[in-house]
Amino acid sequence: MLERRLNRLSRASLLLSLLFMSASQAEEPSAQPWSDNPEGVALGQLIHARPASSGRVGVMNFHLINKRGRSRERTALMAHSEIEETTRVAIYFTSPASIQNTVFLNHEHVSQDNDSWLYLPATERVRRLPASERADPFMGTDLSYGDIRDNFRFPIEHWEFRAGALVSERDRELRILEGQARNEESAREMGYGRFEALIDETTLFPVRIEYFDIHDKALKQVTVSQVGQVGEAWTALSFEVENHQTGHRTEVFFEDMRFVPDLNERVFQPTALADGLPRIP
């Protein structure tokens, strides 16, 4: 699957370069309608096809801060793997005690619907999460379950794209990319009506995303402050999510992020979530 993604990226990168060369000789891409913006579609597809690691593990730290400045801490073990046509992420919470051993698991499939599960120790059962809960807050953070699943990508089945000009920020050239939900059903499922983002075209990672709710009111800002290459893939190592409507924000940073190919399959099996924190070399 990784080789296919890299091949698609190479072809799409060339196409994107040609499209932006053509666009620079015509009108600004952002002035074009959503239905006629091939450079935006190409960039959105590139981001969506960004390679995932064949295996990586790290300690995921959450710092939750409310509008009064009071904070809470949460820690989890995150495992991520791409195998054949499925990308999998498992998040095992280790603290505080109130949520210890809670586990979120997601399988993203290329050719079929995605699957998500949540294990809650208090109920001693694994629950499959429906698509209708995609927009719900993830474990009290300012991330949604959908944000965790998407991993700083924009699902092409839910978004229309429009690319804009290059802008300079902190000695980097970043591309403006806008997204609009394809329809009302997609907007309600995601909890977002549109977004405005700045994209680093070298890593295909967003540096900043402004999300708007289904009523077109500013909802939250995602700021990625550090990315790193783990194995063959780029990944976010530090980022912040601020909810404009509640004043709450979540800071996330990873420690001990490392490349671990050939992760044990039980790490990603729904039937094994109740077994507790897995042992990973």
Foldseek 3Di string as FASTA:
>chain_A
DQVVLVVLLVVLVVVLVVLVVVCVVDPWQVVDDLVPAVNFVSLQVNLQSAGDAQKKKWKKKKWKAFLVGDIDIWIWIWIWHDDDFKTKIKTATCDDPQQHLWMKIKIDGDPDHIWIWIAGVVVRDIGTDDLLQQQPDDPPAPDGVVCVVSQQHDPPVFWGKTKGAWDDDPNATWIKMKIATPDPVSLNSNQFGMKIFTARVVQSGTQKIFTAGVVRHTFKMKGQDDWDDAHNHIHGAWIKIATPVRRMIMTMGIDPMHRDHPPDPLSRDSVNSSVHDDDDD
